[in-house]
Amino acid sequence: MSGSILYIHGFNSAPSSKKATQLMQVMDRLGLSDQLRVPALHHHPREAIGQLEQAIEALGRPLLVGSSLGGYYATHLAERHGLKALLINPAVSPHRMFDGYLGTQKNLYTDEAWELTHDHVTALAELEVPAPRDPQRYQVWLQTGDETLDYRLAQQYYRACALRIQAGGDHGFQGFAAQLPAMLSFAGIGADLYQAIDFTAL
């Protein structure tokens, strides 16, 4: 489906996160809600990838939009299926970061408690792919003020791709709504549909 988008939220996040909510609002206003999927991902990577594969099948060839850990998932799926991906402060090699986080976790939005195990880490490692080489298929949006991930890791890993690096900001990506026209354009949605929307008011 041309112009379809699959939004992939991050670690301990949910469809009720700010970026996901803003994207849903815009697609709803455009009358394109049926071309957007924002699945509530299972905390286990294998389960999450299964959910995302189903969403890709339903949407056809969507633009994958991945935030944080969702950016890692999006990269794996984009390489597997030859899809376009827009990554927002993406995690690089997240399995190497989780050693100190094993044990009980809590979803920031749903309050669900769950156990992060070695099997989660192993499953994440299995999803690792070589650094993408096709700048036409990727946009990588980074903010240097990201307090959770070192943006330079993504800058290095995605160096062959189209990088957009903003000074300051944070892990949630400040000013996301104002950047939505660029995302819609990358997804193949015509500017005539959304030029009347004041994205700064979202």
N, C-alpha and C. Protein backbone atom coordinates (compact mmCIF):
# COMPACT_ATOMS: atom_id res chain seq x y z
N MET A 1 0.85 -1.19 0.00
CA MET A 1 0.00 0.00 0.00
C MET A 1 0.89 1.24 0.00
N SER A 2 0.84 1.99 -1.08
CA SER A 2 1.67 3.20 -1.16
C SER A 2 1.24 4.20 -0.10
N GLY A 3 2.23 4.80 0.56
CA GLY A 3 1.91 5.78 1.58
C GLY A 3 1.60 5.19 2.94
N SER A 4 1.81 3.89 3.10
CA SER A 4 1.54 3.27 4.39
C SER A 4 2.76 3.37 5.30
N ILE A 5 2.49 3.39 6.60
CA ILE A 5 3.55 3.57 7.61
C ILE A 5 3.35 2.55 8.73
N LEU A 6 4.43 1.92 9.12
CA LEU A 6 4.44 1.04 10.30
C LEU A 6 5.33 1.70 11.34
N TYR A 7 4.73 2.15 12.44
CA TYR A 7 5.49 2.80 13.50
C TYR A 7 5.89 1.76 14.54
N ILE A 8 7.18 1.74 14.88
CA ILE A 8 7.73 0.73 15.78
C ILE A 8 8.29 1.44 17.01
N HIS A 9 7.57 1.30 18.12
CA HIS A 9 7.97 2.01 19.33
C HIS A 9 9.19 1.37 19.98
N GLY A 10 9.73 2.05 20.98
CA GLY A 10 10.97 1.63 21.60
C GLY A 10 10.80 0.76 22.83
N PHE A 11 11.89 0.56 23.53
CA PHE A 11 11.97 -0.29 24.72
C PHE A 11 11.10 0.28 25.84
N ASN A 12 10.23 -0.56 26.41
CA ASN A 12 9.32 -0.14 27.48
C ASN A 12 8.44 1.04 27.08
N SER A 13 8.15 1.14 25.78
CA SER A 13 7.26 2.19 25.30
C SER A 13 5.95 1.55 24.86
N ALA A 14 5.11 2.32 24.16
CA ALA A 14 3.78 1.84 23.79
C ALA A 14 3.18 2.77 22.73
N PRO A 15 2.05 2.35 22.13
CA PRO A 15 1.39 3.22 21.15
C PRO A 15 0.90 4.54 21.74
N SER A 16 0.84 4.63 23.07
CA SER A 16 0.40 5.89 23.70
C SER A 16 1.54 6.87 23.90
N SER A 17 2.74 6.54 23.40
CA SER A 17 3.86 7.48 23.52
C SER A 17 3.59 8.73 22.69
N LYS A 18 4.33 9.79 22.97
CA LYS A 18 4.05 11.09 22.34
C LYS A 18 4.20 11.04 20.83
N LYS A 19 5.33 10.49 20.34
CA LYS A 19 5.54 10.47 18.88
C LYS A 19 4.48 9.64 18.17
N ALA A 20 4.17 8.48 18.72
CA ALA A 20 3.16 7.61 18.11
C ALA A 20 1.81 8.32 18.07
N THR A 21 1.47 8.99 19.17
CA THR A 21 0.19 9.68 19.25
C THR A 21 0.11 10.81 18.23
N GLN A 22 1.19 11.57 18.09
CA GLN A 22 1.20 12.67 17.12
C GLN A 22 1.06 12.14 15.69
N LEU A 23 1.74 11.04 15.40
CA LEU A 23 1.64 10.45 14.06
C LEU A 23 0.23 9.94 13.79
N MET A 24 -0.38 9.31 14.79
CA MET A 24 -1.75 8.81 14.63
C MET A 24 -2.72 9.97 14.38
N GLN A 25 -2.52 11.08 15.11
CA GLN A 25 -3.39 12.25 14.93
C GLN A 25 -3.33 12.76 13.49
N VAL A 26 -2.11 12.85 12.97
CA VAL A 26 -1.93 13.39 11.61
C VAL A 26 -2.54 12.45 10.57
N MET A 27 -2.27 11.16 10.68
CA MET A 27 -2.82 10.21 9.70
C MET A 27 -4.34 10.20 9.77
N ASP A 28 -4.89 10.39 10.97
CA ASP A 28 -6.34 10.46 11.12
C ASP A 28 -6.90 11.69 10.41
N ARG A 29 -6.23 12.83 10.60
CA ARG A 29 -6.68 14.07 9.94
C ARG A 29 -6.60 13.99 8.43
N LEU A 30 -5.65 13.20 7.96
CA LEU A 30 -5.49 13.03 6.51
C LEU A 30 -6.44 11.98 5.94
N GLY A 31 -7.19 11.32 6.83
CA GLY A 31 -8.07 10.24 6.38
C GLY A 31 -7.30 9.00 5.98
N LEU A 32 -6.11 8.83 6.56
CA LEU A 32 -5.24 7.71 6.18
C LEU A 32 -4.99 6.75 7.35
N SER A 33 -5.89 6.75 8.31
CA SER A 33 -5.68 5.89 9.48
C SER A 33 -5.52 4.41 9.11
N ASP A 34 -6.18 4.00 8.03
CA ASP A 34 -6.09 2.60 7.63
C ASP A 34 -4.73 2.26 7.02
N GLN A 35 -3.92 3.28 6.75
CA GLN A 35 -2.59 3.05 6.19
C GLN A 35 -1.49 3.15 7.25
N LEU A 36 -1.91 3.18 8.52
CA LEU A 36 -0.94 3.25 9.62
C LEU A 36 -1.18 2.10 10.57
N ARG A 37 -0.09 1.48 11.01
CA ARG A 37 -0.16 0.49 12.09
C ARG A 37 0.83 0.92 13.17
N VAL A 38 0.36 0.88 14.42
CA VAL A 38 1.22 1.18 15.58
C VAL A 38 1.00 0.05 16.59
N PRO A 39 1.60 -1.11 16.35
CA PRO A 39 1.35 -2.24 17.24
C PRO A 39 1.94 -2.04 18.64
N ALA A 40 1.22 -2.56 19.63
CA ALA A 40 1.75 -2.60 21.00
C ALA A 40 2.65 -3.83 21.08
N LEU A 41 3.94 -3.61 21.04
CA LEU A 41 4.89 -4.72 20.89
C LEU A 41 5.10 -5.50 22.18
N HIS A 42 5.18 -6.80 22.01
CA HIS A 42 5.56 -7.69 23.12
C HIS A 42 6.99 -7.36 23.54
N HIS A 43 7.29 -7.55 24.82
CA HIS A 43 8.65 -7.21 25.29
C HIS A 43 9.71 -8.17 24.77
N HIS A 44 9.31 -9.38 24.34
CA HIS A 44 10.32 -10.32 23.84
C HIS A 44 10.55 -10.08 22.35
N PRO A 45 11.81 -9.92 21.94
CA PRO A 45 12.10 -9.58 20.54
C PRO A 45 11.50 -10.54 19.52
N ARG A 46 11.51 -11.84 19.80
CA ARG A 46 10.97 -12.78 18.80
C ARG A 46 9.48 -12.58 18.61
N GLU A 47 8.77 -12.35 19.72
CA GLU A 47 7.33 -12.07 19.64
C GLU A 47 7.09 -10.75 18.89
N ALA A 48 7.90 -9.74 19.22
CA ALA A 48 7.73 -8.43 18.59
C ALA A 48 7.95 -8.50 17.08
N ILE A 49 8.99 -9.21 16.67
CA ILE A 49 9.27 -9.32 15.23
C ILE A 49 8.12 -10.05 14.53
N GLY A 50 7.55 -11.06 15.19
CA GLY A 50 6.38 -11.74 14.62
C GLY A 50 5.21 -10.79 14.41
N GLN A 51 4.97 -9.93 15.40
CA GLN A 51 3.90 -8.93 15.27
C GLN A 51 4.17 -7.98 14.10
N LEU A 52 5.43 -7.58 13.98
CA LEU A 52 5.79 -6.61 12.94
C LEU A 52 5.72 -7.24 11.55
N GLU A 53 6.09 -8.51 11.44
CA GLU A 53 5.97 -9.20 10.16
C GLU A 53 4.50 -9.24 9.72
N GLN A 54 3.61 -9.47 10.67
CA GLN A 54 2.18 -9.50 10.35
C GLN A 54 1.71 -8.13 9.86
N ALA A 55 2.19 -7.08 10.52
CA ALA A 55 1.79 -5.72 10.14
C ALA A 55 2.32 -5.37 8.74
N ILE A 56 3.54 -5.79 8.44
CA ILE A 56 4.11 -5.54 7.10
C ILE A 56 3.25 -6.23 6.05
N GLU A 57 2.84 -7.46 6.34
CA GLU A 57 2.00 -8.21 5.40
C GLU A 57 0.68 -7.49 5.16
N ALA A 58 0.12 -6.94 6.24
CA ALA A 58 -1.17 -6.25 6.13
C ALA A 58 -1.06 -4.95 5.34
N LEU A 59 0.07 -4.26 5.48
CA LEU A 59 0.24 -2.94 4.86
C LEU A 59 0.84 -3.01 3.46
N GLY A 60 1.42 -4.11 3.10
CA GLY A 60 2.08 -4.20 1.79
C GLY A 60 3.55 -3.87 1.92
N ARG A 61 3.94 -2.68 1.48
CA ARG A 61 5.34 -2.25 1.58
C ARG A 61 5.40 -0.92 2.31
N PRO A 62 5.20 -0.95 3.62
CA PRO A 62 5.15 0.31 4.37
C PRO A 62 6.53 0.93 4.57
N LEU A 63 6.53 2.23 4.87
CA LEU A 63 7.71 2.86 5.43
C LEU A 63 7.79 2.43 6.88
N LEU A 64 8.95 1.90 7.28
CA LEU A 64 9.15 1.51 8.67
C LEU A 64 9.69 2.72 9.44
N VAL A 65 9.00 3.14 10.47
CA VAL A 65 9.45 4.25 11.30
C VAL A 65 9.77 3.68 12.68
N GLY A 66 11.04 3.67 13.05
CA GLY A 66 11.45 3.05 14.29
C GLY A 66 12.13 4.02 15.23
N SER A 67 11.68 4.02 16.49
CA SER A 67 12.26 4.88 17.51
C SER A 67 13.06 4.03 18.50
N SER A 68 14.31 4.42 18.77
CA SER A 68 15.13 3.76 19.77
C SER A 68 15.29 2.27 19.45
N LEU A 69 14.85 1.37 20.34
CA LEU A 69 14.93 -0.06 20.04
C LEU A 69 14.11 -0.38 18.78
N GLY A 70 13.03 0.37 18.57
CA GLY A 70 12.24 0.20 17.35
C GLY A 70 13.05 0.47 16.09
N GLY A 71 14.06 1.35 16.22
CA GLY A 71 14.94 1.61 15.08
C GLY A 71 15.80 0.40 14.75
N TYR A 72 16.19 -0.34 15.78
CA TYR A 72 16.95 -1.58 15.59
C TYR A 72 16.08 -2.63 14.90
N TYR A 73 14.83 -2.77 15.37
CA TYR A 73 13.90 -3.68 14.72
C TYR A 73 13.65 -3.26 13.27
N ALA A 74 13.45 -1.97 13.06
CA ALA A 74 13.16 -1.47 11.71
C ALA A 74 14.31 -1.76 10.75
N THR A 75 15.54 -1.61 11.23
CA THR A 75 16.71 -1.87 10.38
C THR A 75 16.75 -3.34 9.98
N HIS A 76 16.53 -4.23 10.92
CA HIS A 76 16.50 -5.67 10.62
C HIS A 76 15.44 -5.97 9.56
N LEU A 77 14.25 -5.43 9.74
CA LEU A 77 13.13 -5.72 8.83
C LEU A 77 13.32 -5.05 7.47
N ALA A 78 13.89 -3.85 7.47
CA ALA A 78 14.14 -3.16 6.20
C ALA A 78 15.15 -3.93 5.36
N GLU A 79 16.17 -4.47 6.02
CA GLU A 79 17.18 -5.25 5.30
C GLU A 79 16.60 -6.58 4.84
N ARG A 80 15.75 -7.17 5.64
CA ARG A 80 15.16 -8.47 5.27
C ARG A 80 14.21 -8.34 4.09
N HIS A 81 13.44 -7.24 4.07
CA HIS A 81 12.37 -7.11 3.07
C HIS A 81 12.64 -6.05 2.00
N GLY A 82 13.78 -5.37 2.08
CA GLY A 82 14.06 -4.33 1.10
C GLY A 82 13.14 -3.13 1.21
N LEU A 83 12.76 -2.79 2.45
CA LEU A 83 11.84 -1.67 2.68
C LEU A 83 12.59 -0.40 3.03
N LYS A 84 11.87 0.72 2.95
CA LYS A 84 12.42 1.99 3.39
C LYS A 84 12.25 2.11 4.90
N ALA A 85 13.18 2.80 5.54
CA ALA A 85 13.11 2.96 6.99
C ALA A 85 13.53 4.36 7.40
N LEU A 86 12.79 4.92 8.34
CA LEU A 86 13.14 6.20 8.95
C LEU A 86 13.36 5.92 10.43
N LEU A 87 14.58 6.20 10.88
CA LEU A 87 14.99 5.82 12.23
C LEU A 87 15.18 7.06 13.09
N ILE A 88 14.61 7.04 14.29
CA ILE A 88 14.65 8.19 15.19
C ILE A 88 15.45 7.81 16.43
N ASN A 89 16.62 8.42 16.61
CA ASN A 89 17.51 8.07 17.72
C ASN A 89 17.59 6.55 17.89
N PRO A 90 17.97 5.82 16.81
CA PRO A 90 17.91 4.35 16.88
C PRO A 90 18.99 3.75 17.79
N ALA A 91 18.63 2.61 18.39
CA ALA A 91 19.60 1.83 19.16
C ALA A 91 20.47 1.02 18.20
N VAL A 92 21.75 0.98 18.48
CA VAL A 92 22.70 0.18 17.71
C VAL A 92 23.22 -0.92 18.65
N SER A 93 23.14 -2.17 18.21
CA SER A 93 23.60 -3.31 19.03
C SER A 93 23.05 -3.26 20.46
N PRO A 94 21.72 -3.17 20.63
CA PRO A 94 21.16 -3.00 21.98
C PRO A 94 21.48 -4.16 22.92
N HIS A 95 21.71 -5.35 22.34
CA HIS A 95 22.02 -6.51 23.19
C HIS A 95 23.31 -6.30 23.99
N ARG A 96 24.16 -5.40 23.51
CA ARG A 96 25.40 -5.13 24.25
C ARG A 96 25.18 -4.17 25.41
N MET A 97 24.01 -3.54 25.44
CA MET A 97 23.73 -2.55 26.48
C MET A 97 22.92 -3.11 27.63
N PHE A 98 22.34 -4.29 27.45
CA PHE A 98 21.35 -4.76 28.40
C PHE A 98 21.90 -5.59 29.55
N ASP A 99 23.20 -5.84 29.56
CA ASP A 99 23.76 -6.68 30.62
C ASP A 99 23.39 -6.19 32.01
N GLY A 100 23.46 -4.89 32.21
CA GLY A 100 23.19 -4.34 33.54
C GLY A 100 21.71 -4.17 33.83
N TYR A 101 20.86 -4.52 32.86
CA TYR A 101 19.42 -4.27 33.02
C TYR A 101 18.61 -5.54 33.21
N LEU A 102 19.28 -6.71 33.30
CA LEU A 102 18.56 -7.96 33.47
C LEU A 102 17.73 -7.91 34.75
N GLY A 103 16.54 -8.53 34.69
CA GLY A 103 15.66 -8.52 35.85
C GLY A 103 14.35 -7.81 35.55
N THR A 104 13.68 -7.40 36.59
CA THR A 104 12.34 -6.84 36.44
C THR A 104 12.37 -5.48 35.77
N GLN A 105 11.51 -5.34 34.77
CA GLN A 105 11.34 -4.09 34.03
C GLN A 105 9.88 -3.64 34.18
N LYS A 106 9.66 -2.35 33.91
CA LYS A 106 8.29 -1.86 33.94
C LYS A 106 8.06 -0.97 32.72
N ASN A 107 7.00 -1.27 31.98
CA ASN A 107 6.66 -0.43 30.83
C ASN A 107 6.23 0.95 31.32
N LEU A 108 6.82 1.98 30.72
CA LEU A 108 6.60 3.36 31.17
C LEU A 108 5.16 3.81 30.95
N TYR A 109 4.48 3.18 30.00
CA TYR A 109 3.14 3.65 29.61
C TYR A 109 2.03 2.74 30.10
N THR A 110 2.30 1.42 30.15
CA THR A 110 1.23 0.48 30.50
C THR A 110 1.34 -0.03 31.94
N ASP A 111 2.48 0.25 32.59
CA ASP A 111 2.76 -0.25 33.94
C ASP A 111 2.94 -1.77 33.99
N GLU A 112 3.01 -2.41 32.82
CA GLU A 112 3.25 -3.86 32.81
C GLU A 112 4.64 -4.16 33.36
N ALA A 113 4.70 -5.11 34.29
CA ALA A 113 6.00 -5.56 34.81
C ALA A 113 6.38 -6.87 34.11
N TRP A 114 7.67 -7.00 33.77
CA TRP A 114 8.13 -8.21 33.08
C TRP A 114 9.61 -8.42 33.37
N GLU A 115 10.11 -9.61 33.06
CA GLU A 115 11.50 -9.95 33.36
C GLU A 115 12.35 -9.89 32.09
N LEU A 116 13.40 -9.08 32.13
CA LEU A 116 14.37 -9.06 31.03
C LEU A 116 15.39 -10.18 31.31
N THR A 117 15.45 -11.16 30.42
CA THR A 117 16.28 -12.34 30.63
C THR A 117 17.41 -12.42 29.61
N HIS A 118 18.31 -13.39 29.83
CA HIS A 118 19.38 -13.63 28.85
C HIS A 118 18.80 -14.01 27.49
N ASP A 119 17.63 -14.65 27.49
CA ASP A 119 17.01 -15.04 26.22
C ASP A 119 16.60 -13.82 25.41
N HIS A 120 16.14 -12.76 26.09
CA HIS A 120 15.85 -11.50 25.38
C HIS A 120 17.12 -11.00 24.69
N VAL A 121 18.22 -11.01 25.42
CA VAL A 121 19.48 -10.48 24.89
C VAL A 121 19.95 -11.32 23.70
N THR A 122 19.85 -12.65 23.83
CA THR A 122 20.22 -13.55 22.73
C THR A 122 19.36 -13.27 21.50
N ALA A 123 18.06 -13.11 21.73
CA ALA A 123 17.14 -12.85 20.61
C ALA A 123 17.46 -11.52 19.92
N LEU A 124 17.84 -10.52 20.69
CA LEU A 124 18.24 -9.24 20.09
C LEU A 124 19.49 -9.41 19.24
N ALA A 125 20.46 -10.16 19.75
CA ALA A 125 21.71 -10.37 19.02
C ALA A 125 21.45 -11.05 17.68
N GLU A 126 20.46 -11.93 17.64
CA GLU A 126 20.13 -12.65 16.40
C GLU A 126 19.61 -11.72 15.31
N LEU A 127 19.15 -10.55 15.69
CA LEU A 127 18.56 -9.61 14.72
C LEU A 127 19.59 -8.66 14.11
N GLU A 128 20.82 -8.73 14.57
CA GLU A 128 21.83 -7.78 14.10
C GLU A 128 22.13 -8.00 12.61
N VAL A 129 22.24 -6.92 11.88
CA VAL A 129 22.55 -6.98 10.44
C VAL A 129 23.76 -6.08 10.17
N PRO A 130 24.46 -6.32 9.05
CA PRO A 130 25.54 -5.40 8.68
C PRO A 130 24.99 -3.99 8.46
N ALA A 131 25.84 -3.01 8.63
CA ALA A 131 25.40 -1.61 8.47
C ALA A 131 24.80 -1.41 7.08
N PRO A 132 23.63 -0.77 6.99
CA PRO A 132 22.98 -0.56 5.69
C PRO A 132 23.84 0.31 4.77
N ARG A 133 23.75 0.01 3.49
CA ARG A 133 24.57 0.72 2.51
C ARG A 133 23.74 1.53 1.51
N ASP A 134 22.42 1.45 1.61
CA ASP A 134 21.57 2.08 0.60
C ASP A 134 20.97 3.38 1.14
N PRO A 135 21.58 4.52 0.81
CA PRO A 135 21.09 5.79 1.36
C PRO A 135 19.70 6.16 0.86
N GLN A 136 19.27 5.55 -0.27
CA GLN A 136 17.95 5.87 -0.80
C GLN A 136 16.83 5.31 0.10
N ARG A 137 17.13 4.24 0.80
CA ARG A 137 16.09 3.56 1.58
C ARG A 137 16.04 4.00 3.03
N TYR A 138 17.02 4.79 3.47
CA TYR A 138 17.09 5.14 4.89
C TYR A 138 17.13 6.64 5.12
N GLN A 139 16.45 7.06 6.18
CA GLN A 139 16.71 8.37 6.79
C GLN A 139 16.95 8.11 8.27
N VAL A 140 17.95 8.76 8.82
CA VAL A 140 18.29 8.56 10.23
C VAL A 140 18.29 9.92 10.91
N TRP A 141 17.36 10.09 11.85
CA TRP A 141 17.22 11.37 12.55
C TRP A 141 17.82 11.23 13.94
N LEU A 142 18.82 12.03 14.21
CA LEU A 142 19.52 11.96 15.49
C LEU A 142 19.52 13.33 16.17
N GLN A 143 19.46 13.31 17.49
CA GLN A 143 19.67 14.54 18.26
C GLN A 143 20.83 14.31 19.21
N THR A 144 21.76 15.26 19.22
CA THR A 144 23.00 15.07 19.98
C THR A 144 22.77 15.07 21.48
N GLY A 145 21.62 15.62 21.93
CA GLY A 145 21.33 15.68 23.36
C GLY A 145 20.66 14.42 23.91
N ASP A 146 20.60 13.36 23.08
CA ASP A 146 20.00 12.10 23.52
C ASP A 146 20.68 11.62 24.80
N GLU A 147 19.89 11.53 25.89
CA GLU A 147 20.46 11.19 27.19
C GLU A 147 20.50 9.67 27.42
N THR A 148 19.88 8.90 26.53
CA THR A 148 19.81 7.45 26.69
C THR A 148 20.83 6.72 25.81
N LEU A 149 20.98 7.18 24.58
CA LEU A 149 21.88 6.55 23.62
C LEU A 149 22.90 7.57 23.12
N ASP A 150 24.12 7.12 22.88
CA ASP A 150 25.16 7.99 22.30
C ASP A 150 24.90 8.09 20.81
N TYR A 151 24.48 9.28 20.35
CA TYR A 151 24.11 9.45 18.94
C TYR A 151 25.26 9.09 18.00
N ARG A 152 26.51 9.18 18.50
CA ARG A 152 27.67 8.93 17.63
C ARG A 152 27.74 7.47 17.19
N LEU A 153 27.19 6.57 18.00
CA LEU A 153 27.16 5.15 17.60
C LEU A 153 26.30 4.97 16.34
N ALA A 154 25.13 5.63 16.33
CA ALA A 154 24.26 5.56 15.16
C ALA A 154 24.86 6.32 13.98
N GLN A 155 25.49 7.46 14.28
CA GLN A 155 26.13 8.25 13.22
C GLN A 155 27.18 7.40 12.49
N GLN A 156 27.93 6.62 13.24
CA GLN A 156 28.96 5.78 12.65
C GLN A 156 28.35 4.60 11.90
N TYR A 157 27.42 3.92 12.54
CA TYR A 157 26.82 2.71 11.96
C TYR A 157 26.07 3.02 10.67
N TYR A 158 25.33 4.14 10.66
CA TYR A 158 24.51 4.50 9.50
C TYR A 158 25.20 5.53 8.61
N ARG A 159 26.52 5.57 8.64
CA ARG A 159 27.24 6.65 7.96
C ARG A 159 27.01 6.67 6.45
N ALA A 160 26.63 5.53 5.86
CA ALA A 160 26.38 5.50 4.41
C ALA A 160 24.97 5.98 4.07
N CYS A 161 24.15 6.21 5.07
CA CYS A 161 22.74 6.57 4.87
C CYS A 161 22.55 8.09 4.97
N ALA A 162 21.34 8.51 4.68
CA ALA A 162 21.01 9.93 4.80
C ALA A 162 20.82 10.27 6.28
N LEU A 163 21.74 11.04 6.83
CA LEU A 163 21.71 11.39 8.26
C LEU A 163 21.18 12.81 8.44
N ARG A 164 20.35 12.99 9.45
CA ARG A 164 19.91 14.33 9.83
C ARG A 164 20.23 14.47 11.31
N ILE A 165 21.24 15.24 11.63
CA ILE A 165 21.70 15.36 13.02
C ILE A 165 21.40 16.77 13.52
N GLN A 166 20.63 16.85 14.60
CA GLN A 166 20.29 18.14 15.19
C GLN A 166 21.01 18.28 16.52
N ALA A 167 21.57 19.46 16.76
CA ALA A 167 22.21 19.73 18.05
C ALA A 167 21.15 19.82 19.13
N GLY A 168 21.48 19.32 20.32
CA GLY A 168 20.55 19.40 21.45
C GLY A 168 19.50 18.31 21.38
N GLY A 169 18.29 18.63 21.85
CA GLY A 169 17.21 17.66 21.84
C GLY A 169 17.34 16.65 22.96
N ASP A 170 16.66 15.52 22.79
CA ASP A 170 16.72 14.46 23.80
C ASP A 170 16.33 13.13 23.16
N HIS A 171 16.26 12.07 23.97
CA HIS A 171 15.99 10.74 23.42
C HIS A 171 14.59 10.65 22.80
N GLY A 172 13.65 11.41 23.35
CA GLY A 172 12.30 11.41 22.80
C GLY A 172 12.18 12.12 21.46
N PHE A 173 13.19 12.86 21.09
CA PHE A 173 13.31 13.65 19.85
C PHE A 173 12.41 14.89 19.92
N GLN A 174 13.01 15.98 20.39
CA GLN A 174 12.31 17.26 20.49
C GLN A 174 11.91 17.76 19.10
N GLY A 175 10.72 18.36 19.02
CA GLY A 175 10.27 18.94 17.75
C GLY A 175 9.85 17.92 16.72
N PHE A 176 9.50 16.71 17.16
CA PHE A 176 9.13 15.64 16.23
C PHE A 176 7.99 16.04 15.31
N ALA A 177 6.94 16.65 15.89
CA ALA A 177 5.75 16.97 15.09
C ALA A 177 6.09 17.86 13.90
N ALA A 178 7.00 18.81 14.12
CA ALA A 178 7.37 19.74 13.04
C ALA A 178 8.11 19.02 11.91
N GLN A 179 8.65 17.83 12.19
CA GLN A 179 9.38 17.08 11.17
C GLN A 179 8.48 16.09 10.41
N LEU A 180 7.23 16.01 10.82
CA LEU A 180 6.35 15.01 10.21
C LEU A 180 6.16 15.18 8.70
N PRO A 181 6.14 16.40 8.15
CA PRO A 181 6.03 16.49 6.69
C PRO A 181 7.13 15.73 5.96
N ALA A 182 8.35 15.77 6.49
CA ALA A 182 9.44 15.04 5.86
C ALA A 182 9.19 13.53 5.91
N MET A 183 8.61 13.06 7.00
CA MET A 183 8.28 11.63 7.12
C MET A 183 7.19 11.25 6.12
N LEU A 184 6.14 12.06 6.06
CA LEU A 184 5.05 11.76 5.14
C LEU A 184 5.54 11.74 3.70
N SER A 185 6.40 12.68 3.36
CA SER A 185 6.97 12.73 2.01
C SER A 185 7.78 11.47 1.71
N PHE A 186 8.59 11.04 2.67
CA PHE A 186 9.42 9.84 2.50
C PHE A 186 8.54 8.59 2.34
N ALA A 187 7.36 8.64 2.96
CA ALA A 187 6.42 7.52 2.86
C ALA A 187 5.66 7.52 1.53
N GLY A 188 5.82 8.61 0.77
CA GLY A 188 5.15 8.69 -0.53
C GLY A 188 3.76 9.29 -0.46
N ILE A 189 3.49 10.06 0.59
CA ILE A 189 2.20 10.74 0.74
C ILE A 189 2.34 12.16 0.18
N GLY A 190 1.47 12.53 -0.73
CA GLY A 190 1.59 13.80 -1.45
C GLY A 190 1.44 15.01 -0.55
N ALA A 191 2.28 16.03 -0.78
CA ALA A 191 2.27 17.23 0.05
C ALA A 191 0.94 17.97 -0.03
N ASP A 192 0.22 17.81 -1.15
CA ASP A 192 -1.06 18.49 -1.29
C ASP A 192 -2.05 18.05 -0.21
N LEU A 193 -1.85 16.86 0.33
CA LEU A 193 -2.75 16.35 1.36
C LEU A 193 -2.56 17.03 2.71
N TYR A 194 -1.31 17.43 2.99
CA TYR A 194 -1.04 17.88 4.37
C TYR A 194 -0.51 19.31 4.46
N GLN A 195 -0.44 20.04 3.36
CA GLN A 195 0.19 21.36 3.43
C GLN A 195 -0.62 22.35 4.26
N ALA A 196 -1.91 22.06 4.47
CA ALA A 196 -2.74 22.99 5.25
C ALA A 196 -2.66 22.74 6.75
N ILE A 197 -1.99 21.66 7.16
CA ILE A 197 -1.92 21.31 8.58
C ILE A 197 -0.83 22.12 9.28
N ASP A 198 -1.15 22.66 10.43
CA ASP A 198 -0.13 23.33 11.25
C ASP A 198 0.49 22.28 12.19
N PHE A 199 1.62 21.74 11.76
CA PHE A 199 2.23 20.66 12.52
C PHE A 199 2.79 21.13 13.87
N THR A 200 3.10 22.42 13.97
CA THR A 200 3.64 22.93 15.23
C THR A 200 2.57 22.97 16.32
N ALA A 201 1.30 22.84 15.94
CA ALA A 201 0.22 22.92 16.91
C ALA A 201 -0.14 21.55 17.50
N LEU A 202 0.51 20.49 17.04
CA LEU A 202 0.18 19.15 17.52
C LEU A 202 0.61 18.96 18.97
